[in-house]
Amino acid sequence: MLCTIRAIALTADAGEINYQQSMAAGFQRHIAKPIELKLLIQAIADVISSASAIVLEMMMRHRQEYLNSTSQNY
């Protein structure tokens, strides 16, 4: 099973190239310094929320695969 680590890039530069590089490196969000606390908290909440949705989707898929495999045995 492939697992993704969720991360937020905190950089000193706010340019579009910095955003693109962060996304290409696998970050889910990009925040430029100086960091506004409210923006950081919202970014953390978004990343956690999207990670939870991914975990839920994986659980439902595995549950369906399990149900399919057990129904074939009868």
N, C-alpha and C. Protein backbone atom coordinates (compact mmCIF):
# COMPACT_ATOMS: atom_id res chain seq x y z
N MET A 1 0.85 -1.17 0.00
CA MET A 1 0.00 0.00 0.00
C MET A 1 0.90 1.24 0.00
N LEU A 2 0.62 2.16 -0.87
CA LEU A 2 1.36 3.41 -0.97
C LEU A 2 0.78 4.41 0.01
N CYS A 3 1.65 5.04 0.79
CA CYS A 3 1.21 6.01 1.79
C CYS A 3 1.85 7.36 1.48
N THR A 4 1.09 8.41 1.60
CA THR A 4 1.59 9.75 1.33
C THR A 4 1.68 10.52 2.64
N ILE A 5 2.80 11.17 2.84
CA ILE A 5 2.95 12.04 4.00
C ILE A 5 2.46 13.42 3.60
N ARG A 6 1.52 13.96 4.33
CA ARG A 6 0.96 15.28 4.05
C ARG A 6 1.90 16.33 4.61
N ALA A 7 2.17 17.39 3.85
CA ALA A 7 3.12 18.42 4.30
C ALA A 7 2.77 19.77 3.71
N ILE A 8 3.18 20.80 4.43
CA ILE A 8 2.98 22.19 4.02
C ILE A 8 4.36 22.81 3.85
N ALA A 9 4.61 23.41 2.70
CA ALA A 9 5.90 24.09 2.47
C ALA A 9 5.84 25.50 3.05
N LEU A 10 6.82 25.83 3.87
CA LEU A 10 6.95 27.18 4.43
C LEU A 10 8.23 27.76 3.83
N THR A 11 8.08 28.76 2.96
CA THR A 11 9.24 29.30 2.26
C THR A 11 9.37 30.80 2.48
N ALA A 12 10.58 31.30 2.21
CA ALA A 12 10.83 32.73 2.34
C ALA A 12 10.35 33.50 1.12
N ASP A 13 10.07 32.80 0.04
CA ASP A 13 9.67 33.45 -1.21
C ASP A 13 8.21 33.16 -1.53
N ALA A 14 7.53 34.15 -2.08
CA ALA A 14 6.11 34.01 -2.36
C ALA A 14 5.80 33.96 -3.85
N GLY A 15 6.81 33.81 -4.68
CA GLY A 15 6.60 33.82 -6.12
C GLY A 15 5.92 32.56 -6.64
N GLU A 16 5.38 32.67 -7.83
CA GLU A 16 4.70 31.54 -8.48
C GLU A 16 5.64 30.35 -8.66
N ILE A 17 6.90 30.61 -8.99
CA ILE A 17 7.86 29.53 -9.18
C ILE A 17 8.06 28.75 -7.88
N ASN A 18 8.05 29.45 -6.75
CA ASN A 18 8.19 28.79 -5.46
C ASN A 18 6.99 27.89 -5.17
N TYR A 19 5.82 28.39 -5.51
CA TYR A 19 4.61 27.59 -5.35
C TYR A 19 4.70 26.34 -6.22
N GLN A 20 5.06 26.51 -7.49
CA GLN A 20 5.15 25.38 -8.42
C GLN A 20 6.19 24.36 -7.96
N GLN A 21 7.33 24.83 -7.46
CA GLN A 21 8.37 23.93 -6.98
C GLN A 21 7.88 23.15 -5.75
N SER A 22 7.16 23.81 -4.89
CA SER A 22 6.63 23.13 -3.71
C SER A 22 5.64 22.03 -4.10
N MET A 23 4.75 22.35 -5.02
CA MET A 23 3.78 21.36 -5.47
C MET A 23 4.47 20.20 -6.18
N ALA A 24 5.46 20.51 -7.01
CA ALA A 24 6.21 19.46 -7.72
C ALA A 24 6.97 18.56 -6.75
N ALA A 25 7.38 19.11 -5.62
CA ALA A 25 8.11 18.34 -4.62
C ALA A 25 7.18 17.47 -3.77
N GLY A 26 5.87 17.63 -3.93
CA GLY A 26 4.92 16.79 -3.23
C GLY A 26 4.21 17.42 -2.05
N PHE A 27 4.44 18.71 -1.83
CA PHE A 27 3.73 19.39 -0.75
C PHE A 27 2.28 19.60 -1.14
N GLN A 28 1.39 19.61 -0.15
CA GLN A 28 -0.03 19.85 -0.43
C GLN A 28 -0.39 21.33 -0.38
N ARG A 29 0.38 22.10 0.35
CA ARG A 29 0.13 23.54 0.46
C ARG A 29 1.46 24.28 0.46
N HIS A 30 1.41 25.56 0.14
CA HIS A 30 2.59 26.43 0.15
C HIS A 30 2.22 27.72 0.86
N ILE A 31 3.03 28.08 1.87
CA ILE A 31 2.82 29.33 2.60
C ILE A 31 4.15 30.08 2.63
N ALA A 32 4.11 31.36 2.24
CA ALA A 32 5.32 32.18 2.25
C ALA A 32 5.46 32.91 3.58
N LYS A 33 6.70 33.10 4.00
CA LYS A 33 6.99 33.86 5.21
C LYS A 33 6.89 35.35 4.91
N PRO A 34 6.55 36.20 5.82
CA PRO A 34 6.20 35.89 7.21
C PRO A 34 4.85 35.21 7.27
N ILE A 35 4.74 34.27 8.16
CA ILE A 35 3.56 33.42 8.24
C ILE A 35 2.49 34.08 9.11
N GLU A 36 1.29 34.13 8.57
CA GLU A 36 0.14 34.61 9.34
C GLU A 36 -0.45 33.39 10.05
N LEU A 37 -0.57 33.46 11.36
CA LEU A 37 -1.02 32.33 12.16
C LEU A 37 -2.36 31.77 11.68
N LYS A 38 -3.30 32.66 11.38
CA LYS A 38 -4.63 32.23 10.95
C LYS A 38 -4.53 31.42 9.64
N LEU A 39 -3.69 31.87 8.72
CA LEU A 39 -3.49 31.16 7.45
C LEU A 39 -2.85 29.80 7.68
N LEU A 40 -1.86 29.73 8.57
CA LEU A 40 -1.20 28.46 8.88
C LEU A 40 -2.17 27.47 9.52
N ILE A 41 -2.96 27.94 10.46
CA ILE A 41 -3.94 27.06 11.12
C ILE A 41 -4.95 26.53 10.10
N GLN A 42 -5.40 27.38 9.19
CA GLN A 42 -6.35 26.95 8.16
C GLN A 42 -5.71 25.93 7.23
N ALA A 43 -4.45 26.15 6.87
CA ALA A 43 -3.74 25.22 5.99
C ALA A 43 -3.59 23.86 6.67
N ILE A 44 -3.25 23.86 7.95
CA ILE A 44 -3.12 22.60 8.70
C ILE A 44 -4.47 21.88 8.74
N ALA A 45 -5.54 22.61 9.01
CA ALA A 45 -6.88 22.02 9.04
C ALA A 45 -7.25 21.42 7.68
N ASP A 46 -6.92 22.12 6.60
CA ASP A 46 -7.22 21.62 5.25
C ASP A 46 -6.46 20.34 4.95
N VAL A 47 -5.18 20.31 5.31
CA VAL A 47 -4.35 19.14 5.03
C VAL A 47 -4.85 17.95 5.85
N ILE A 48 -5.19 18.18 7.11
CA ILE A 48 -5.72 17.10 7.95
C ILE A 48 -7.05 16.60 7.39
N SER A 49 -7.89 17.51 6.98
CA SER A 49 -9.20 17.14 6.44
C SER A 49 -9.05 16.31 5.17
N SER A 50 -8.17 16.73 4.27
CA SER A 50 -7.99 15.97 3.03
C SER A 50 -7.36 14.62 3.31
N ALA A 51 -6.46 14.54 4.29
CA ALA A 51 -5.85 13.26 4.65
C ALA A 51 -6.91 12.32 5.23
N SER A 52 -7.82 12.86 6.03
CA SER A 52 -8.89 12.04 6.60
C SER A 52 -9.79 11.48 5.50
N ALA A 53 -10.07 12.29 4.50
CA ALA A 53 -10.91 11.83 3.39
C ALA A 53 -10.21 10.71 2.62
N ILE A 54 -8.91 10.81 2.45
CA ILE A 54 -8.15 9.78 1.75
C ILE A 54 -8.17 8.47 2.54
N VAL A 55 -7.98 8.57 3.85
CA VAL A 55 -8.00 7.37 4.70
C VAL A 55 -9.38 6.72 4.64
N LEU A 56 -10.43 7.51 4.73
CA LEU A 56 -11.79 6.98 4.67
C LEU A 56 -12.04 6.28 3.34
N GLU A 57 -11.61 6.87 2.25
CA GLU A 57 -11.78 6.27 0.92
C GLU A 57 -11.04 4.93 0.85
N MET A 58 -9.82 4.87 1.37
CA MET A 58 -9.05 3.63 1.36
C MET A 58 -9.75 2.55 2.18
N MET A 59 -10.27 2.93 3.34
CA MET A 59 -10.96 1.96 4.19
C MET A 59 -12.20 1.40 3.50
N MET A 60 -12.95 2.27 2.84
CA MET A 60 -14.15 1.82 2.15
C MET A 60 -13.79 0.89 0.98
N ARG A 61 -12.72 1.20 0.27
CA ARG A 61 -12.29 0.37 -0.86
C ARG A 61 -11.86 -1.02 -0.35
N HIS A 62 -11.07 -1.04 0.75
CA HIS A 62 -10.62 -2.32 1.30
C HIS A 62 -11.81 -3.12 1.85
N ARG A 63 -12.77 -2.43 2.44
CA ARG A 63 -13.96 -3.11 2.94
C ARG A 63 -14.70 -3.78 1.79
N GLN A 64 -14.86 -3.05 0.67
CA GLN A 64 -15.56 -3.60 -0.49
C GLN A 64 -14.80 -4.79 -1.07
N GLU A 65 -13.47 -4.68 -1.13
CA GLU A 65 -12.65 -5.79 -1.64
C GLU A 65 -12.82 -7.02 -0.74
N TYR A 66 -12.84 -6.79 0.56
CA TYR A 66 -13.03 -7.89 1.51
C TYR A 66 -14.40 -8.53 1.31
N LEU A 67 -15.44 -7.72 1.20
CA LEU A 67 -16.78 -8.26 1.00
C LEU A 67 -16.88 -9.04 -0.30
N ASN A 68 -16.25 -8.53 -1.34
CA ASN A 68 -16.25 -9.22 -2.61
C ASN A 68 -15.54 -10.58 -2.52
N SER A 69 -14.42 -10.60 -1.81
CA SER A 69 -13.65 -11.85 -1.70
C SER A 69 -14.38 -12.88 -0.85
N THR A 70 -15.08 -12.45 0.19
CA THR A 70 -15.79 -13.41 1.04
C THR A 70 -17.06 -13.91 0.37
N SER A 71 -17.69 -13.11 -0.46
CA SER A 71 -18.91 -13.56 -1.14
C SER A 71 -18.60 -14.57 -2.23
N GLN A 72 -17.39 -14.57 -2.76
CA GLN A 72 -16.99 -15.52 -3.79
C GLN A 72 -16.72 -16.91 -3.21
N ASN A 73 -16.52 -16.97 -1.90
CA ASN A 73 -16.24 -18.25 -1.25
C ASN A 73 -17.51 -19.07 -0.95
N TYR A 74 -18.68 -18.48 -1.20
CA TYR A 74 -19.93 -19.18 -0.89
C TYR A 74 -20.67 -19.55 -2.12
